[in-house]
N, C-alpha and C. Protein backbone atom coordinates (compact mmCIF):
# COMPACT_ATOMS: atom_id res chain seq x y z
N UNK A 1 6.56 -22.85 -15.66
CA UNK A 1 5.51 -21.91 -15.28
C UNK A 1 6.11 -20.58 -14.81
N UNK A 2 7.15 -20.67 -13.99
CA UNK A 2 7.76 -19.44 -13.50
C UNK A 2 8.41 -18.66 -14.64
N UNK A 3 8.92 -19.36 -15.64
CA UNK A 3 9.52 -18.70 -16.79
C UNK A 3 8.49 -17.89 -17.57
N UNK A 4 7.30 -18.44 -17.70
CA UNK A 4 6.22 -17.74 -18.40
C UNK A 4 5.84 -16.48 -17.62
N UNK A 5 5.71 -16.61 -16.31
CA UNK A 5 5.35 -15.48 -15.47
C UNK A 5 6.39 -14.37 -15.55
N UNK A 6 7.65 -14.73 -15.43
CA UNK A 6 8.72 -13.73 -15.51
C UNK A 6 8.75 -13.09 -16.90
N UNK A 7 8.55 -13.88 -17.93
CA UNK A 7 8.53 -13.35 -19.30
C UNK A 7 7.40 -12.35 -19.50
N UNK A 8 6.22 -12.68 -19.00
CA UNK A 8 5.07 -11.77 -19.12
C UNK A 8 5.34 -10.47 -18.37
N UNK A 9 5.90 -10.57 -17.18
CA UNK A 9 6.20 -9.36 -16.40
C UNK A 9 7.22 -8.50 -17.13
N UNK A 10 8.25 -9.11 -17.69
CA UNK A 10 9.27 -8.36 -18.42
C UNK A 10 8.65 -7.67 -19.64
N UNK A 11 7.78 -8.37 -20.35
CA UNK A 11 7.11 -7.78 -21.52
C UNK A 11 6.24 -6.60 -21.10
N UNK A 12 5.50 -6.75 -20.01
CA UNK A 12 4.66 -5.64 -19.52
C UNK A 12 5.50 -4.44 -19.13
N UNK A 13 6.59 -4.67 -18.43
CA UNK A 13 7.45 -3.56 -18.01
C UNK A 13 8.05 -2.87 -19.23
N UNK A 14 8.53 -3.63 -20.19
CA UNK A 14 9.09 -3.04 -21.41
C UNK A 14 8.03 -2.26 -22.19
N UNK A 15 6.81 -2.78 -22.22
CA UNK A 15 5.72 -2.06 -22.90
C UNK A 15 5.43 -0.74 -22.21
N UNK A 16 5.37 -0.75 -20.88
CA UNK A 16 5.11 0.48 -20.13
C UNK A 16 6.23 1.50 -20.31
N UNK A 17 7.47 1.03 -20.30
CA UNK A 17 8.60 1.93 -20.51
C UNK A 17 8.54 2.52 -21.92
N UNK A 18 8.18 1.71 -22.90
CA UNK A 18 8.05 2.20 -24.27
C UNK A 18 6.96 3.24 -24.40
N UNK A 19 5.80 2.97 -23.82
CA UNK A 19 4.70 3.94 -23.86
C UNK A 19 5.10 5.21 -23.13
N UNK A 20 5.76 5.08 -21.99
CA UNK A 20 6.21 6.25 -21.22
C UNK A 20 7.18 7.09 -22.05
N UNK A 21 8.08 6.43 -22.76
CA UNK A 21 9.10 7.13 -23.54
C UNK A 21 8.50 7.87 -24.73
N UNK A 22 7.51 7.29 -25.40
CA UNK A 22 6.98 7.87 -26.63
C UNK A 22 5.72 8.71 -26.44
N UNK A 23 5.06 8.61 -25.30
CA UNK A 23 3.80 9.34 -25.10
C UNK A 23 3.95 10.37 -23.99
N UNK A 24 3.93 11.63 -24.36
CA UNK A 24 4.06 12.68 -23.35
C UNK A 24 2.81 12.74 -22.46
N UNK A 25 1.65 12.42 -22.99
CA UNK A 25 0.43 12.42 -22.18
C UNK A 25 0.50 11.35 -21.09
N UNK A 26 1.00 10.17 -21.45
CA UNK A 26 1.15 9.09 -20.46
C UNK A 26 2.19 9.48 -19.41
N UNK A 27 3.27 10.13 -19.84
CA UNK A 27 4.31 10.56 -18.91
C UNK A 27 3.75 11.57 -17.91
N UNK A 28 2.97 12.53 -18.40
CA UNK A 28 2.35 13.52 -17.52
C UNK A 28 1.41 12.84 -16.53
N UNK A 29 0.62 11.88 -17.01
CA UNK A 29 -0.33 11.17 -16.15
C UNK A 29 0.38 10.37 -15.07
N UNK A 30 1.49 9.71 -15.42
CA UNK A 30 2.19 8.88 -14.43
C UNK A 30 2.99 9.71 -13.45
N UNK A 31 3.41 10.91 -13.84
CA UNK A 31 4.21 11.75 -12.95
C UNK A 31 3.37 12.74 -12.15
N UNK A 32 2.08 12.83 -12.42
CA UNK A 32 1.22 13.78 -11.73
C UNK A 32 1.20 13.59 -10.21
N UNK A 33 1.16 12.36 -9.68
CA UNK A 33 1.18 12.21 -8.22
C UNK A 33 2.41 12.84 -7.57
N UNK A 34 3.55 12.80 -8.25
CA UNK A 34 4.77 13.42 -7.71
C UNK A 34 4.58 14.92 -7.58
N UNK A 35 4.03 15.55 -8.61
CA UNK A 35 3.84 17.00 -8.57
C UNK A 35 2.76 17.40 -7.57
N UNK A 36 1.74 16.56 -7.42
CA UNK A 36 0.71 16.82 -6.41
C UNK A 36 1.32 16.78 -5.02
N UNK A 37 2.15 15.78 -4.76
CA UNK A 37 2.81 15.66 -3.46
C UNK A 37 3.73 16.85 -3.20
N UNK A 38 4.49 17.27 -4.20
CA UNK A 38 5.38 18.42 -4.04
C UNK A 38 4.59 19.69 -3.76
N UNK A 39 3.44 19.86 -4.41
CA UNK A 39 2.61 21.04 -4.17
C UNK A 39 2.04 21.02 -2.75
N UNK A 40 1.59 19.85 -2.29
CA UNK A 40 1.08 19.75 -0.92
C UNK A 40 2.18 20.01 0.10
N UNK A 41 3.39 19.54 -0.19
CA UNK A 41 4.52 19.78 0.71
C UNK A 41 4.83 21.27 0.77
N UNK A 42 4.75 21.95 -0.36
CA UNK A 42 5.00 23.39 -0.41
C UNK A 42 3.95 24.14 0.42
N UNK A 43 2.68 23.74 0.29
CA UNK A 43 1.60 24.36 1.07
C UNK A 43 1.81 24.12 2.56
N UNK A 44 2.21 22.88 2.92
CA UNK A 44 2.45 22.55 4.33
C UNK A 44 3.60 23.38 4.89
N UNK A 45 4.70 23.47 4.14
CA UNK A 45 5.85 24.25 4.61
C UNK A 45 5.48 25.72 4.78
N UNK A 46 4.68 26.25 3.86
CA UNK A 46 4.24 27.64 3.96
C UNK A 46 3.38 27.83 5.22
N UNK A 47 2.48 26.89 5.48
CA UNK A 47 1.62 26.99 6.66
C UNK A 47 2.44 26.88 7.94
N UNK A 48 3.41 25.97 7.97
CA UNK A 48 4.25 25.82 9.16
C UNK A 48 5.09 27.08 9.39
N UNK A 49 5.57 27.67 8.31
CA UNK A 49 6.36 28.90 8.43
C UNK A 49 5.48 30.02 9.00
N UNK A 50 4.24 30.10 8.54
CA UNK A 50 3.32 31.13 9.03
C UNK A 50 3.00 30.90 10.50
N UNK A 51 2.84 29.64 10.91
CA UNK A 51 2.56 29.35 12.32
C UNK A 51 3.75 29.70 13.20
N UNK A 52 4.94 29.35 12.76
CA UNK A 52 6.13 29.60 13.57
C UNK A 52 6.56 31.05 13.55
N UNK A 53 6.15 31.81 12.56
CA UNK A 53 6.52 33.21 12.46
C UNK A 53 5.95 34.00 13.64
N UNK A 54 4.73 33.71 14.02
CA UNK A 54 4.10 34.41 15.13
C UNK A 54 4.42 33.80 16.48
N UNK A 55 5.15 32.70 16.51
CA UNK A 55 5.42 31.98 17.75
C UNK A 55 6.92 31.66 17.84
N UNK A 56 7.75 32.68 17.80
CA UNK A 56 9.20 32.48 17.77
C UNK A 56 9.74 31.91 19.08
N UNK A 57 9.06 32.14 20.21
CA UNK A 57 9.54 31.61 21.49
C UNK A 57 9.45 30.10 21.53
N UNK A 58 8.47 29.53 20.89
CA UNK A 58 8.28 28.08 20.87
C UNK A 58 8.51 27.54 19.47
N UNK A 59 9.66 27.82 18.90
CA UNK A 59 9.95 27.40 17.53
C UNK A 59 9.87 25.88 17.43
N UNK A 60 9.17 25.42 16.43
CA UNK A 60 9.02 23.99 16.22
C UNK A 60 7.81 23.41 16.93
N UNK A 61 7.20 24.16 17.83
CA UNK A 61 6.03 23.68 18.56
C UNK A 61 4.78 23.96 17.74
N UNK A 62 3.99 22.93 17.53
CA UNK A 62 2.73 23.09 16.80
C UNK A 62 1.61 23.11 17.82
N UNK A 63 0.83 24.19 17.86
CA UNK A 63 -0.25 24.25 18.84
C UNK A 63 -1.30 23.19 18.57
N UNK A 64 -1.92 22.66 19.63
CA UNK A 64 -2.95 21.63 19.44
C UNK A 64 -4.15 22.21 18.72
N UNK A 65 -4.82 21.34 17.97
CA UNK A 65 -6.00 21.81 17.22
C UNK A 65 -7.26 21.49 17.98
């Protein structure tokens, strides 16, 4: 039973890798969360820089909201 389960998982992984390799649309879809996270991180860093720019005496301190 465990052999069947492992075999099915290996087949699924190989199928996904194959689809990822040959389909640019699938690759874009699977990698989109990474780019979304990077964009949010960029926005956060920009906002933190803007907050700290006006508050150089308390660098690193985030005012309470």
